[in-house]
Structures are given as structure tokens and as C-alpha cells.
Amino acid sequence: QVQLVESGGGLVQPGGSLRLSCVASGSTFRLLIMRWYRQAPGKERETVAGIPISGDGTIYLDSVKGRFTISRDNAKNTVSLQMNSLKPEDTAVYYCSATHLYDNTREFWGQGTQVTVSS
């Protein structure tokens, strides 16, 4: 069982920055594949970014490439999403998730954190 807790959301003006964090517990973090998702009202959930256990080979949603950076700190059991040059269309609830490297049967989710980009 993996527990995930996101933090760092809030209200920011267009062009501003936020850093989201997700702390994992209940498993060996270095064996977790971590992802960030988002879901805006009336829209389907999107995969924003993903990072493997090594930290290499990150993936990003096309619309956030060059603006968002996913990273992980295995010593702190934490995955982060640095979001720069935020746009109103980035407004959504952001979720982190975890999949165990050796168990692909379940994906664990955090509670989500609201990001609102507005002037």
C-alpha cells in the first residue's frame, strides 16, 4: 500500500510559478514510478509528467514542455513538479501517482492539490 500526499497548489498569476510536491509512504520509494496528472473542470484527466525510478527518461505533456520540470528526491521520498510560465489553461487539480516497478496491477493516487492561474 502506498500513500501519497500532494502540496504546493494555490493561486498564481499568469506567468508565475508554483512548485508542487508529493510525499510517498508505505513502500520503497526508489522502486516507484511516479507521475503527475491534472484534471480541469469538464475535461479529461491528462498525464502531465512522469519520471522513472532512475530519474532519467522523463516524459511531459506537449503543452507543458519547457515550462514544467518533474524531479524526484529518493532520500526524501518526494516527487516534485516545478511549474513556470503558468497559463490560465494550466488551471486544474493536480494529482501525483505511483506504480511499483514490480507490481503493475495498481496505481496509487494522492488527494490532489488545486492550481489556479488567474489574474
PDB file of N, CA and C in Angstrom:
ATOM      1  N   GLN A   1       0.832  -1.178   0.000  1.00  0.00           N
ATOM      2  CA  GLN A   1       0.000   0.000   0.000  1.00  0.00           C
ATOM      3  C   GLN A   1       0.880   1.246   0.000  1.00  0.00           C
ATOM      4  N   VAL A   2       0.529   2.189  -0.867  1.00  0.00           N
ATOM      5  CA  VAL A   2       1.270   3.433  -0.988  1.00  0.00           C
ATOM      6  C   VAL A   2       0.338   4.588  -0.660  1.00  0.00           C
ATOM      7  N   GLN A   3       0.801   5.474   0.187  1.00  0.00           N
ATOM      8  CA  GLN A   3       0.075   6.694   0.496  1.00  0.00           C
ATOM      9  C   GLN A   3       0.821   7.888  -0.092  1.00  0.00           C
ATOM     10  N   LEU A   4       0.074   8.777  -0.732  1.00  0.00           N
ATOM     11  CA  LEU A   4       0.650   9.931  -1.398  1.00  0.00           C
ATOM     12  C   LEU A   4      -0.056  11.191  -0.925  1.00  0.00           C
ATOM     13  N   VAL A   5       0.713  12.211  -0.619  1.00  0.00           N
ATOM     14  CA  VAL A   5       0.167  13.476  -0.164  1.00  0.00           C
ATOM     15  C   VAL A   5       0.790  14.601  -0.970  1.00  0.00           C
ATOM     16  N   GLU A   6      -0.045  15.314  -1.731  1.00  0.00           N
ATOM     17  CA  GLU A   6       0.416  16.441  -2.529  1.00  0.00           C
ATOM     18  C   GLU A   6       0.311  17.740  -1.733  1.00  0.00           C
ATOM     19  N   SER A   7       1.133  18.685  -2.110  1.00  0.00           N
ATOM     20  CA  SER A   7       1.066  20.016  -1.539  1.00  0.00           C
ATOM     21  C   SER A   7       1.661  21.008  -2.530  1.00  0.00           C
ATOM     22  N   GLY A   8       1.439  22.280  -2.282  1.00  0.00           N
ATOM     23  CA  GLY A   8       2.046  23.325  -3.080  1.00  0.00           C
ATOM     24  C   GLY A   8       1.126  24.045  -4.029  1.00  0.00           C
ATOM     25  N   GLY A   9      -0.113  23.587  -4.154  1.00  0.00           N
ATOM     26  CA  GLY A   9      -1.043  24.266  -5.029  1.00  0.00           C
ATOM     27  C   GLY A   9      -1.455  25.615  -4.473  1.00  0.00           C
ATOM     28  N   GLY A  10      -2.131  26.374  -5.314  1.00  0.00           N
ATOM     29  CA  GLY A  10      -2.587  27.680  -4.900  1.00  0.00           C
ATOM     30  C   GLY A  10      -2.974  28.535  -6.076  1.00  0.00           C
ATOM     31  N   LEU A  11      -3.130  29.811  -5.803  1.00  0.00           N
ATOM     32  CA  LEU A  11      -3.493  30.795  -6.810  1.00  0.00           C
ATOM     33  C   LEU A  11      -2.254  31.555  -7.245  1.00  0.00           C
ATOM     34  N   VAL A  12      -2.060  31.653  -8.549  1.00  0.00           N
ATOM     35  CA  VAL A  12      -0.909  32.350  -9.088  1.00  0.00           C
ATOM     36  C   VAL A  12      -1.330  33.108 -10.345  1.00  0.00           C
ATOM     37  N   GLN A  13      -0.675  34.216 -10.605  1.00  0.00           N
ATOM     38  CA  GLN A  13      -0.967  34.995 -11.802  1.00  0.00           C
ATOM     39  C   GLN A  13      -0.340  34.361 -13.032  1.00  0.00           C
ATOM     40  N   PRO A  14      -0.911  34.599 -14.206  1.00  0.00           N
ATOM     41  CA  PRO A  14      -0.276  34.112 -15.431  1.00  0.00           C
ATOM     42  C   PRO A  14       1.180  34.558 -15.506  1.00  0.00           C
ATOM     43  N   GLY A  15       2.038  33.629 -15.926  1.00  0.00           N
ATOM     44  CA  GLY A  15       3.460  33.880 -15.970  1.00  0.00           C
ATOM     45  C   GLY A  15       4.188  33.549 -14.692  1.00  0.00           C
ATOM     46  N   GLY A  16       3.459  33.271 -13.648  1.00  0.00           N
ATOM     47  CA  GLY A  16       4.059  32.939 -12.373  1.00  0.00           C
ATOM     48  C   GLY A  16       4.478  31.492 -12.279  1.00  0.00           C
ATOM     49  N   SER A  17       4.933  31.117 -11.094  1.00  0.00           N
ATOM     50  CA  SER A  17       5.462  29.783 -10.864  1.00  0.00           C
ATOM     51  C   SER A  17       4.889  29.176  -9.594  1.00  0.00           C
ATOM     52  N   LEU A  18       4.807  27.866  -9.599  1.00  0.00           N
ATOM     53  CA  LEU A  18       4.470  27.086  -8.427  1.00  0.00           C
ATOM     54  C   LEU A  18       5.314  25.824  -8.429  1.00  0.00           C
ATOM     55  N   ARG A  19       5.552  25.309  -7.249  1.00  0.00           N
ATOM     56  CA  ARG A  19       6.248  24.040  -7.118  1.00  0.00           C
ATOM     57  C   ARG A  19       5.371  23.097  -6.307  1.00  0.00           C
ATOM     58  N   LEU A  20       4.948  22.017  -6.944  1.00  0.00           N
ATOM     59  CA  LEU A  20       4.154  21.002  -6.283  1.00  0.00           C
ATOM     60  C   LEU A  20       5.061  19.902  -5.748  1.00  0.00           C
ATOM     61  N   SER A  21       4.687  19.361  -4.616  1.00  0.00           N
ATOM     62  CA  SER A  21       5.434  18.266  -4.020  1.00  0.00           C
ATOM     63  C   SER A  21       4.486  17.139  -3.663  1.00  0.00           C
ATOM     64  N   CYS A  22       4.997  15.939  -3.704  1.00  0.00           N
ATOM     65  CA  CYS A  22       4.233  14.762  -3.347  1.00  0.00           C
ATOM     66  C   CYS A  22       5.133  13.844  -2.539  1.00  0.00           C
ATOM     67  N   VAL A  23       4.722  13.562  -1.321  1.00  0.00           N
ATOM     68  CA  VAL A  23       5.482  12.700  -0.428  1.00  0.00           C
ATOM     69  C   VAL A  23       4.823  11.330  -0.388  1.00  0.00           C
ATOM     70  N   ALA A  24       5.614  10.310  -0.596  1.00  0.00           N
ATOM     71  CA  ALA A  24       5.126   8.940  -0.616  1.00  0.00           C
ATOM     72  C   ALA A  24       5.542   8.202   0.645  1.00  0.00           C
ATOM     73  N   SER A  25       4.678   7.315   1.092  1.00  0.00           N
ATOM     74  CA  SER A  25       4.984   6.459   2.219  1.00  0.00           C
ATOM     75  C   SER A  25       4.343   5.099   1.994  1.00  0.00           C
ATOM     76  N   GLY A  26       4.783   4.129   2.752  1.00  0.00           N
ATOM     77  CA  GLY A  26       4.194   2.798   2.673  1.00  0.00           C
ATOM     78  C   GLY A  26       4.845   1.867   1.673  1.00  0.00           C
ATOM     79  N   SER A  27       5.893   2.317   1.024  1.00  0.00           N
ATOM     80  CA  SER A  27       6.587   1.495   0.060  1.00  0.00           C
ATOM     81  C   SER A  27       8.010   1.998  -0.080  1.00  0.00           C
ATOM     82  N   THR A  28       8.787   1.269  -0.833  1.00  0.00           N
ATOM     83  CA  THR A  28      10.154   1.679  -1.116  1.00  0.00           C
ATOM     84  C   THR A  28      10.131   2.664  -2.269  1.00  0.00           C
ATOM     85  N   PHE A  29      10.381   3.918  -1.962  1.00  0.00           N
ATOM     86  CA  PHE A  29      10.175   4.973  -2.938  1.00  0.00           C
ATOM     87  C   PHE A  29      11.030   4.782  -4.186  1.00  0.00           C
ATOM     88  N   ARG A  30      12.240   4.323  -4.016  1.00  0.00           N
ATOM     89  CA  ARG A  30      13.133   4.199  -5.165  1.00  0.00           C
ATOM     90  C   ARG A  30      12.648   3.166  -6.177  1.00  0.00           C
ATOM     91  N   LEU A  31      11.653   2.361  -5.811  1.00  0.00           N
ATOM     92  CA  LEU A  31      11.074   1.381  -6.713  1.00  0.00           C
ATOM     93  C   LEU A  31       9.724   1.822  -7.276  1.00  0.00           C
ATOM     94  N   LEU A  32       9.364   3.061  -7.077  1.00  0.00           N
ATOM     95  CA  LEU A  32       8.105   3.594  -7.563  1.00  0.00           C
ATOM     96  C   LEU A  32       8.311   4.447  -8.802  1.00  0.00           C
ATOM     97  N   ILE A  33       7.512   4.182  -9.816  1.00  0.00           N
ATOM     98  CA  ILE A  33       7.419   5.063 -10.964  1.00  0.00           C
ATOM     99  C   ILE A  33       6.394   6.142 -10.625  1.00  0.00           C
ATOM    100  N   MET A  34       6.790   7.384 -10.742  1.00  0.00           N
ATOM    101  CA  MET A  34       5.953   8.485 -10.289  1.00  0.00           C
ATOM    102  C   MET A  34       5.449   9.304 -11.476  1.00  0.00           C
ATOM    103  N   ARG A  35       4.221   9.793 -11.341  1.00  0.00           N
ATOM    104  CA  ARG A  35       3.609  10.610 -12.374  1.00  0.00           C
ATOM    105  C   ARG A  35       2.827  11.756 -11.747  1.00  0.00           C
ATOM    106  N   TRP A  36       2.670  12.800 -12.513  1.00  0.00           N
ATOM    107  CA  TRP A  36       1.746  13.871 -12.196  1.00  0.00           C
ATOM    108  C   TRP A  36       0.647  13.898 -13.243  1.00  0.00           C
ATOM    109  N   TYR A  37      -0.589  14.009 -12.772  1.00  0.00           N
ATOM    110  CA  TYR A  37      -1.756  14.163 -13.617  1.00  0.00           C
ATOM    111  C   TYR A  37      -2.455  15.469 -13.269  1.00  0.00           C
ATOM    112  N   ARG A  38      -3.329  15.883 -14.151  1.00  0.00           N
ATOM    113  CA  ARG A  38      -4.192  17.005 -13.832  1.00  0.00           C
ATOM    114  C   ARG A  38      -5.555  16.802 -14.475  1.00  0.00           C
ATOM    115  N   GLN A  39      -6.555  17.417 -13.875  1.00  0.00           N
ATOM    116  CA  GLN A  39      -7.891  17.369 -14.414  1.00  0.00           C
ATOM    117  C   GLN A  39      -8.563  18.709 -14.175  1.00  0.00           C
ATOM    118  N   ALA A  40      -8.960  19.327 -15.271  1.00  0.00           N
ATOM    119  CA  ALA A  40      -9.673  20.588 -15.225  1.00  0.00           C
ATOM    120  C   ALA A  40     -11.166  20.329 -15.325  1.00  0.00           C
ATOM    121  N   PRO A  41     -11.985  21.247 -14.843  1.00  0.00           N
ATOM    122  CA  PRO A  41     -13.439  21.057 -14.928  1.00  0.00           C
ATOM    123  C   PRO A  41     -13.897  20.815 -16.353  1.00  0.00           C
ATOM    124  N   GLY A  42     -14.683  19.772 -16.541  1.00  0.00           N
ATOM    125  CA  GLY A  42     -15.225  19.453 -17.846  1.00  0.00           C
ATOM    126  C   GLY A  42     -14.250  18.830 -18.815  1.00  0.00           C
ATOM    127  N   LYS A  43     -13.046  18.513 -18.376  1.00  0.00           N
ATOM    128  CA  LYS A  43     -12.038  17.941 -19.251  1.00  0.00           C
ATOM    129  C   LYS A  43     -11.549  16.614 -18.685  1.00  0.00           C
ATOM    130  N   GLU A  44     -11.008  15.807 -19.565  1.00  0.00           N
ATOM    131  CA  GLU A  44     -10.479  14.522 -19.154  1.00  0.00           C
ATOM    132  C   GLU A  44      -9.148  14.691 -18.439  1.00  0.00           C
ATOM    133  N   ARG A  45      -8.826  13.705 -17.639  1.00  0.00           N
ATOM    134  CA  ARG A  45      -7.560  13.702 -16.940  1.00  0.00           C
ATOM    135  C   ARG A  45      -6.410  13.591 -17.924  1.00  0.00           C
ATOM    136  N   GLU A  46      -5.362  14.359 -17.690  1.00  0.00           N
ATOM    137  CA  GLU A  46      -4.179  14.358 -18.527  1.00  0.00           C
ATOM    138  C   GLU A  46      -2.966  13.914 -17.732  1.00  0.00           C
ATOM    139  N   THR A  47      -2.100  13.195 -18.387  1.00  0.00           N
ATOM    140  CA  THR A  47      -0.804  12.912 -17.809  1.00  0.00           C
ATOM    141  C   THR A  47       0.111  14.100 -18.074  1.00  0.00           C
ATOM    142  N   VAL A  48       0.544  14.745 -17.022  1.00  0.00           N
ATOM    143  CA  VAL A  48       1.370  15.940 -17.149  1.00  0.00           C
ATOM    144  C   VAL A  48       2.837  15.587 -17.290  1.00  0.00           C
ATOM    145  N   ALA A  49       3.299  14.668 -16.462  1.00  0.00           N
ATOM    146  CA  ALA A  49       4.707  14.308 -16.455  1.00  0.00           C
ATOM    147  C   ALA A  49       4.888  12.971 -15.773  1.00  0.00           C
ATOM    148  N   GLY A  50       5.970  12.304 -16.104  1.00  0.00           N
ATOM    149  CA  GLY A  50       6.307  11.048 -15.471  1.00  0.00           C
ATOM    150  C   GLY A  50       7.805  10.926 -15.310  1.00  0.00           C
ATOM    151  N   ILE A  51       8.204  10.168 -14.299  1.00  0.00           N
ATOM    152  CA  ILE A  51       9.623  10.002 -14.029  1.00  0.00           C
ATOM    153  C   ILE A  51       9.871   8.574 -13.557  1.00  0.00           C
ATOM    154  N   PRO A  52      10.838   7.897 -14.148  1.00  0.00           N
ATOM    155  CA  PRO A  52      11.138   6.529 -13.734  1.00  0.00           C
ATOM    156  C   PRO A  52      11.967   6.492 -12.460  1.00  0.00           C
ATOM    157  N   ILE A  53      12.295   5.279 -12.029  1.00  0.00           N
ATOM    158  CA  ILE A  53      12.986   5.145 -10.755  1.00  0.00           C
ATOM    159  C   ILE A  53      14.372   5.770 -10.782  1.00  0.00           C
ATOM    160  N   SER A  54      14.990   5.798 -11.942  1.00  0.00           N
ATOM    161  CA  SER A  54      16.334   6.359 -12.054  1.00  0.00           C
ATOM    162  C   SER A  54      16.346   7.875 -12.090  1.00  0.00           C
ATOM    163  N   GLY A  55      15.216   8.482 -12.402  1.00  0.00           N
ATOM    164  CA  GLY A  55      15.163   9.913 -12.603  1.00  0.00           C
ATOM    165  C   GLY A  55      15.450  10.342 -14.027  1.00  0.00           C
ATOM    166  N   ASP A  56      15.893   9.419 -14.849  1.00  0.00           N
ATOM    167  CA  ASP A  56      16.162   9.689 -16.250  1.00  0.00           C
ATOM    168  C   ASP A  56      14.967   9.276 -17.094  1.00  0.00           C
ATOM    169  N   GLY A  57      14.913   9.802 -18.307  1.00  0.00           N
ATOM    170  CA  GLY A  57      13.844   9.436 -19.215  1.00  0.00           C
ATOM    171  C   GLY A  57      12.499  10.019 -18.856  1.00  0.00           C
ATOM    172  N   THR A  58      12.471  11.251 -18.386  1.00  0.00           N
ATOM    173  CA  THR A  58      11.220  11.898 -18.019  1.00  0.00           C
ATOM    174  C   THR A  58      10.356  12.155 -19.240  1.00  0.00           C
ATOM    175  N   ILE A  59       9.051  12.182 -19.028  1.00  0.00           N
ATOM    176  CA  ILE A  59       8.102  12.472 -20.091  1.00  0.00           C
ATOM    177  C   ILE A  59       7.236  13.646 -19.672  1.00  0.00           C
ATOM    178  N   TYR A  60       6.733  14.375 -20.680  1.00  0.00           N
ATOM    179  CA  TYR A  60       5.922  15.548 -20.420  1.00  0.00           C
ATOM    180  C   TYR A  60       4.800  15.660 -21.429  1.00  0.00           C
ATOM    181  N   LEU A  61       3.690  16.173 -20.969  1.00  0.00           N
ATOM    182  CA  LEU A  61       2.634  16.601 -21.860  1.00  0.00           C
ATOM    183  C   LEU A  61       3.185  17.687 -22.779  1.00  0.00           C
ATOM    184  N   ASP A  62       2.851  17.617 -24.064  1.00  0.00           N
ATOM    185  CA  ASP A  62       3.422  18.556 -25.019  1.00  0.00           C
ATOM    186  C   ASP A  62       3.204  20.014 -24.609  1.00  0.00           C
ATOM    187  N   SER A  63       2.046  20.318 -24.084  1.00  0.00           N
ATOM    188  CA  SER A  63       1.723  21.697 -23.770  1.00  0.00           C
ATOM    189  C   SER A  63       2.493  22.255 -22.577  1.00  0.00           C
ATOM    190  N   VAL A  64       3.182  21.408 -21.828  1.00  0.00           N
ATOM    191  CA  VAL A  64       3.947  21.887 -20.678  1.00  0.00           C
ATOM    192  C   VAL A  64       5.445  21.754 -20.877  1.00  0.00           C
ATOM    193  N   LYS A  65       5.880  21.179 -21.975  1.00  0.00           N
ATOM    194  CA  LYS A  65       7.303  21.021 -22.229  1.00  0.00           C
ATOM    195  C   LYS A  65       7.996  22.381 -22.252  1.00  0.00           C
ATOM    196  N   GLY A  66       9.122  22.446 -21.585  1.00  0.00           N
ATOM    197  CA  GLY A  66       9.861  23.687 -21.486  1.00  0.00           C
ATOM    198  C   GLY A  66       9.409  24.585 -20.367  1.00  0.00           C
ATOM    199  N   ARG A  67       8.257  24.278 -19.773  1.00  0.00           N
ATOM    200  CA  ARG A  67       7.732  25.077 -18.673  1.00  0.00           C
ATOM    201  C   ARG A  67       7.713  24.312 -17.352  1.00  0.00           C
ATOM    202  N   PHE A  68       7.430  23.017 -17.425  1.00  0.00           N
ATOM    203  CA  PHE A  68       7.333  22.184 -16.232  1.00  0.00           C
ATOM    204  C   PHE A  68       8.526  21.248 -16.162  1.00  0.00           C
ATOM    205  N   THR A  69       8.954  20.947 -14.951  1.00  0.00           N
ATOM    206  CA  THR A  69      10.030  20.004 -14.727  1.00  0.00           C
ATOM    207  C   THR A  69       9.665  19.071 -13.587  1.00  0.00           C
ATOM    208  N   ILE A  70       9.696  17.777 -13.853  1.00  0.00           N
ATOM    209  CA  ILE A  70       9.463  16.787 -12.819  1.00  0.00           C
ATOM    210  C   ILE A  70      10.807  16.302 -12.292  1.00  0.00           C
ATOM    211  N   SER A  71      10.875  16.081 -11.006  1.00  0.00           N
ATOM    212  CA  SER A  71      12.093  15.584 -10.392  1.00  0.00           C
ATOM    213  C   SER A  71      11.728  14.725  -9.192  1.00  0.00           C
ATOM    214  N   ARG A  72      12.691  13.959  -8.725  1.00  0.00           N
ATOM    215  CA  ARG A  72      12.448  13.143  -7.544  1.00  0.00           C
ATOM    216  C   ARG A  72      13.654  13.187  -6.628  1.00  0.00           C
ATOM    217  N   ASP A  73      13.376  13.070  -5.357  1.00  0.00           N
ATOM    218  CA  ASP A  73      14.401  13.022  -4.330  1.00  0.00           C
ATOM    219  C   ASP A  73      14.151  11.741  -3.548  1.00  0.00           C
ATOM    220  N   ASN A  74      14.893  10.714  -3.878  1.00  0.00           N
ATOM    221  CA  ASN A  74      14.660   9.418  -3.251  1.00  0.00           C
ATOM    222  C   ASN A  74      14.966   9.425  -1.758  1.00  0.00           C
ATOM    223  N   ALA A  75      15.866  10.284  -1.333  1.00  0.00           N
ATOM    224  CA  ALA A  75      16.184  10.373   0.083  1.00  0.00           C
ATOM    225  C   ALA A  75      15.023  10.927   0.887  1.00  0.00           C
ATOM    226  N   LYS A  76      14.174  11.738   0.254  1.00  0.00           N
ATOM    227  CA  LYS A  76      13.030  12.345   0.925  1.00  0.00           C
ATOM    228  C   LYS A  76      11.702  11.734   0.501  1.00  0.00           C
ATOM    229  N   ASN A  77      11.742  10.687  -0.298  1.00  0.00           N
ATOM    230  CA  ASN A  77      10.528  10.023  -0.782  1.00  0.00           C
ATOM    231  C   ASN A  77       9.573  11.017  -1.443  1.00  0.00           C
ATOM    232  N   THR A  78      10.121  11.889  -2.248  1.00  0.00           N
ATOM    233  CA  THR A  78       9.353  13.002  -2.775  1.00  0.00           C
ATOM    234  C   THR A  78       9.532  13.142  -4.273  1.00  0.00           C
ATOM    235  N   VAL A  79       8.427  13.403  -4.951  1.00  0.00           N
ATOM    236  CA  VAL A  79       8.460  13.808  -6.342  1.00  0.00           C
ATOM    237  C   VAL A  79       7.906  15.227  -6.416  1.00  0.00           C
ATOM    238  N   SER A  80       8.511  16.046  -7.258  1.00  0.00           N
ATOM    239  CA  SER A  80       8.126  17.441  -7.364  1.00  0.00           C
ATOM    240  C   SER A  80       7.803  17.792  -8.797  1.00  0.00           C
ATOM    241  N   LEU A  81       7.022  18.837  -8.944  1.00  0.00           N
ATOM    242  CA  LEU A  81       6.715  19.387 -10.258  1.00  0.00           C
ATOM    243  C   LEU A  81       6.902  20.890 -10.184  1.00  0.00           C
ATOM    244  N   GLN A  82       7.973  21.362 -10.788  1.00  0.00           N
ATOM    245  CA  GLN A  82       8.222  22.790 -10.884  1.00  0.00           C
ATOM    246  C   GLN A  82       7.489  23.318 -12.096  1.00  0.00           C
ATOM    247  N   MET A  83       6.611  24.274 -11.891  1.00  0.00           N
ATOM    248  CA  MET A  83       5.778  24.818 -12.948  1.00  0.00           C
ATOM    249  C   MET A  83       6.100  26.293 -13.117  1.00  0.00           C
ATOM    250  N   ASN A  84       6.629  26.630 -14.269  1.00  0.00           N
ATOM    251  CA  ASN A  84       6.972  28.004 -14.598  1.00  0.00           C
ATOM    252  C   ASN A  84       6.119  28.497 -15.751  1.00  0.00           C
ATOM    253  N   SER A  85       6.101  29.800 -15.926  1.00  0.00           N
ATOM    254  CA  SER A  85       5.353  30.421 -17.022  1.00  0.00           C
ATOM    255  C   SER A  85       3.932  29.895 -17.091  1.00  0.00           C
ATOM    256  N   LEU A  86       3.282  29.873 -15.962  1.00  0.00           N
ATOM    257  CA  LEU A  86       1.950  29.293 -15.884  1.00  0.00           C
ATOM    258  C   LEU A  86       0.935  30.081 -16.696  1.00  0.00           C
ATOM    259  N   LYS A  87       0.009  29.344 -17.262  1.00  0.00           N
ATOM    260  CA  LYS A  87      -1.041  29.895 -18.096  1.00  0.00           C
ATOM    261  C   LYS A  87      -2.398  29.555 -17.499  1.00  0.00           C
ATOM    262  N   PRO A  88      -3.421  30.344 -17.814  1.00  0.00           N
ATOM    263  CA  PRO A  88      -4.753  30.013 -17.294  1.00  0.00           C
ATOM    264  C   PRO A  88      -5.196  28.597 -17.625  1.00  0.00           C
ATOM    265  N   GLU A  89      -4.805  28.087 -18.771  1.00  0.00           N
ATOM    266  CA  GLU A  89      -5.192  26.739 -19.142  1.00  0.00           C
ATOM    267  C   GLU A  89      -4.505  25.657 -18.319  1.00  0.00           C
ATOM    268  N   ASP A  90      -3.549  26.042 -17.488  1.00  0.00           N
ATOM    269  CA  ASP A  90      -2.947  25.095 -16.556  1.00  0.00           C
ATOM    270  C   ASP A  90      -3.799  24.888 -15.313  1.00  0.00           C
ATOM    271  N   THR A  91      -4.843  25.670 -15.170  1.00  0.00           N
ATOM    272  CA  THR A  91      -5.711  25.550 -14.014  1.00  0.00           C
ATOM    273  C   THR A  91      -6.346  24.165 -13.966  1.00  0.00           C
ATOM    274  N   ALA A  92      -6.172  23.480 -12.854  1.00  0.00           N
ATOM    275  CA  ALA A  92      -6.674  22.122 -12.705  1.00  0.00           C
ATOM    276  C   ALA A  92      -6.362  21.640 -11.298  1.00  0.00           C
ATOM    277  N   VAL A  93      -6.936  20.508 -10.964  1.00  0.00           N
ATOM    278  CA  VAL A  93      -6.491  19.773  -9.795  1.00  0.00           C
ATOM    279  C   VAL A  93      -5.359  18.859 -10.239  1.00  0.00           C
ATOM    280  N   TYR A  94      -4.252  18.938  -9.546  1.00  0.00           N
ATOM    281  CA  TYR A  94      -3.082  18.154  -9.881  1.00  0.00           C
ATOM    282  C   TYR A  94      -2.929  17.002  -8.901  1.00  0.00           C
ATOM    283  N   TYR A  95      -2.686  15.828  -9.437  1.00  0.00           N
ATOM    284  CA  TYR A  95      -2.546  14.611  -8.650  1.00  0.00           C
ATOM    285  C   TYR A  95      -1.200  13.962  -8.933  1.00  0.00           C
ATOM    286  N   CYS A  96      -0.606  13.390  -7.923  1.00  0.00           N
ATOM    287  CA  CYS A  96       0.530  12.515  -8.164  1.00  0.00           C
ATOM    288  C   CYS A  96       0.077  11.070  -8.049  1.00  0.00           C
ATOM    289  N   SER A  97       0.816  10.200  -8.693  1.00  0.00           N
ATOM    290  CA  SER A  97       0.507   8.781  -8.646  1.00  0.00           C
ATOM    291  C   SER A  97       1.795   7.982  -8.586  1.00  0.00           C
ATOM    292  N   ALA A  98       1.643   6.742  -8.166  1.00  0.00           N
ATOM    293  CA  ALA A  98       2.784   5.847  -8.045  1.00  0.00           C
ATOM    294  C   ALA A  98       2.418   4.466  -8.542  1.00  0.00           C
ATOM    295  N   THR A  99       3.335   3.866  -9.267  1.00  0.00           N
ATOM    296  CA  THR A  99       3.224   2.487  -9.708  1.00  0.00           C
ATOM    297  C   THR A  99       4.499   1.769  -9.318  1.00  0.00           C
ATOM    298  N   HIS A 100       4.348   0.631  -8.670  1.00  0.00           N
ATOM    299  CA  HIS A 100       5.525  -0.118  -8.257  1.00  0.00           C
ATOM    300  C   HIS A 100       6.178  -0.757  -9.472  1.00  0.00           C
ATOM    301  N   LEU A 101       7.480  -0.696  -9.508  1.00  0.00           N
ATOM    302  CA  LEU A 101       8.229  -1.244 -10.627  1.00  0.00           C
ATOM    303  C   LEU A 101       7.897  -2.713 -10.863  1.00  0.00           C
ATOM    304  N   TYR A 102       7.680  -3.464  -9.793  1.00  0.00           N
ATOM    305  CA  TYR A 102       7.460  -4.904  -9.900  1.00  0.00           C
ATOM    306  C   TYR A 102       6.013  -5.322  -9.667  1.00  0.00           C
ATOM    307  N   ASP A 103       5.105  -4.371  -9.662  1.00  0.00           N
ATOM    308  CA  ASP A 103       3.689  -4.661  -9.499  1.00  0.00           C
ATOM    309  C   ASP A 103       2.898  -3.639 -10.290  1.00  0.00           C
ATOM    310  N   ASN A 104       2.483  -4.040 -11.475  1.00  0.00           N
ATOM    311  CA  ASN A 104       1.771  -3.140 -12.382  1.00  0.00           C
ATOM    312  C   ASN A 104       0.259  -3.248 -12.253  1.00  0.00           C
ATOM    313  N   THR A 105      -0.218  -3.932 -11.212  1.00  0.00           N
ATOM    314  CA  THR A 105      -1.648  -4.171 -11.079  1.00  0.00           C
ATOM    315  C   THR A 105      -2.411  -3.002 -10.492  1.00  0.00           C
ATOM    316  N   ARG A 106      -1.733  -2.101  -9.829  1.00  0.00           N
ATOM    317  CA  ARG A 106      -2.401  -0.977  -9.187  1.00  0.00           C
ATOM    318  C   ARG A 106      -1.608   0.308  -9.354  1.00  0.00           C
ATOM    319  N   GLU A 107      -2.332   1.391  -9.467  1.00  0.00           N
ATOM    320  CA  GLU A 107      -1.754   2.724  -9.452  1.00  0.00           C
ATOM    321  C   GLU A 107      -2.342   3.470  -8.265  1.00  0.00           C
ATOM    322  N   PHE A 108      -1.490   4.036  -7.450  1.00  0.00           N
ATOM    323  CA  PHE A 108      -1.908   4.738  -6.244  1.00  0.00           C
ATOM    324  C   PHE A 108      -1.955   6.231  -6.499  1.00  0.00           C
ATOM    325  N   TRP A 109      -2.918   6.886  -5.867  1.00  0.00           N
ATOM    326  CA  TRP A 109      -3.191   8.296  -6.124  1.00  0.00           C
ATOM    327  C   TRP A 109      -3.185   9.107  -4.850  1.00  0.00           C
ATOM    328  N   GLY A 110      -2.753  10.342  -4.976  1.00  0.00           N
ATOM    329  CA  GLY A 110      -2.889  11.287  -3.894  1.00  0.00           C
ATOM    330  C   GLY A 110      -4.249  11.953  -3.924  1.00  0.00           C
ATOM    331  N   GLN A 111      -4.469  12.852  -2.989  1.00  0.00           N
ATOM    332  CA  GLN A 111      -5.766  13.508  -2.863  1.00  0.00           C
ATOM    333  C   GLN A 111      -5.947  14.675  -3.826  1.00  0.00           C
ATOM    334  N   GLY A 112      -4.873  15.150  -4.395  1.00  0.00           N
ATOM    335  CA  GLY A 112      -4.919  16.255  -5.324  1.00  0.00           C
ATOM    336  C   GLY A 112      -4.685  17.595  -4.660  1.00  0.00           C
ATOM    337  N   THR A 113      -4.184  18.530  -5.438  1.00  0.00           N
ATOM    338  CA  THR A 113      -3.993  19.894  -4.978  1.00  0.00           C
ATOM    339  C   THR A 113      -4.412  20.845  -6.092  1.00  0.00           C
ATOM    340  N   GLN A 114      -5.157  21.869  -5.731  1.00  0.00           N
ATOM    341  CA  GLN A 114      -5.727  22.785  -6.709  1.00  0.00           C
ATOM    342  C   GLN A 114      -4.693  23.810  -7.150  1.00  0.00           C
ATOM    343  N   VAL A 115      -4.569  23.964  -8.455  1.00  0.00           N
ATOM    344  CA  VAL A 115      -3.752  25.019  -9.049  1.00  0.00           C
ATOM    345  C   VAL A 115      -4.667  25.921  -9.857  1.00  0.00           C
ATOM    346  N   THR A 116      -4.671  27.192  -9.526  1.00  0.00           N
ATOM    347  CA  THR A 116      -5.483  28.165 -10.237  1.00  0.00           C
ATOM    348  C   THR A 116      -4.587  29.270 -10.759  1.00  0.00           C
ATOM    349  N   VAL A 117      -4.632  29.487 -12.060  1.00  0.00           N
ATOM    350  CA  VAL A 117      -3.835  30.519 -12.708  1.00  0.00           C
ATOM    351  C   VAL A 117      -4.791  31.580 -13.217  1.00  0.00           C
ATOM    352  N   SER A 118      -4.749  32.732 -12.606  1.00  0.00           N
ATOM    353  CA  SER A 118      -5.702  33.787 -12.931  1.00  0.00           C
ATOM    354  C   SER A 118      -5.129  35.130 -12.528  1.00  0.00           C
ATOM    355  N   SER A 119      -5.487  36.138 -13.296  1.00  0.00           N
ATOM    356  CA  SER A 119      -5.097  37.494 -12.955  1.00  0.00           C
ATOM    357  C   SER A 119      -6.106  38.155 -12.036  1.00  0.00           C
TER     358      SER A 119
END
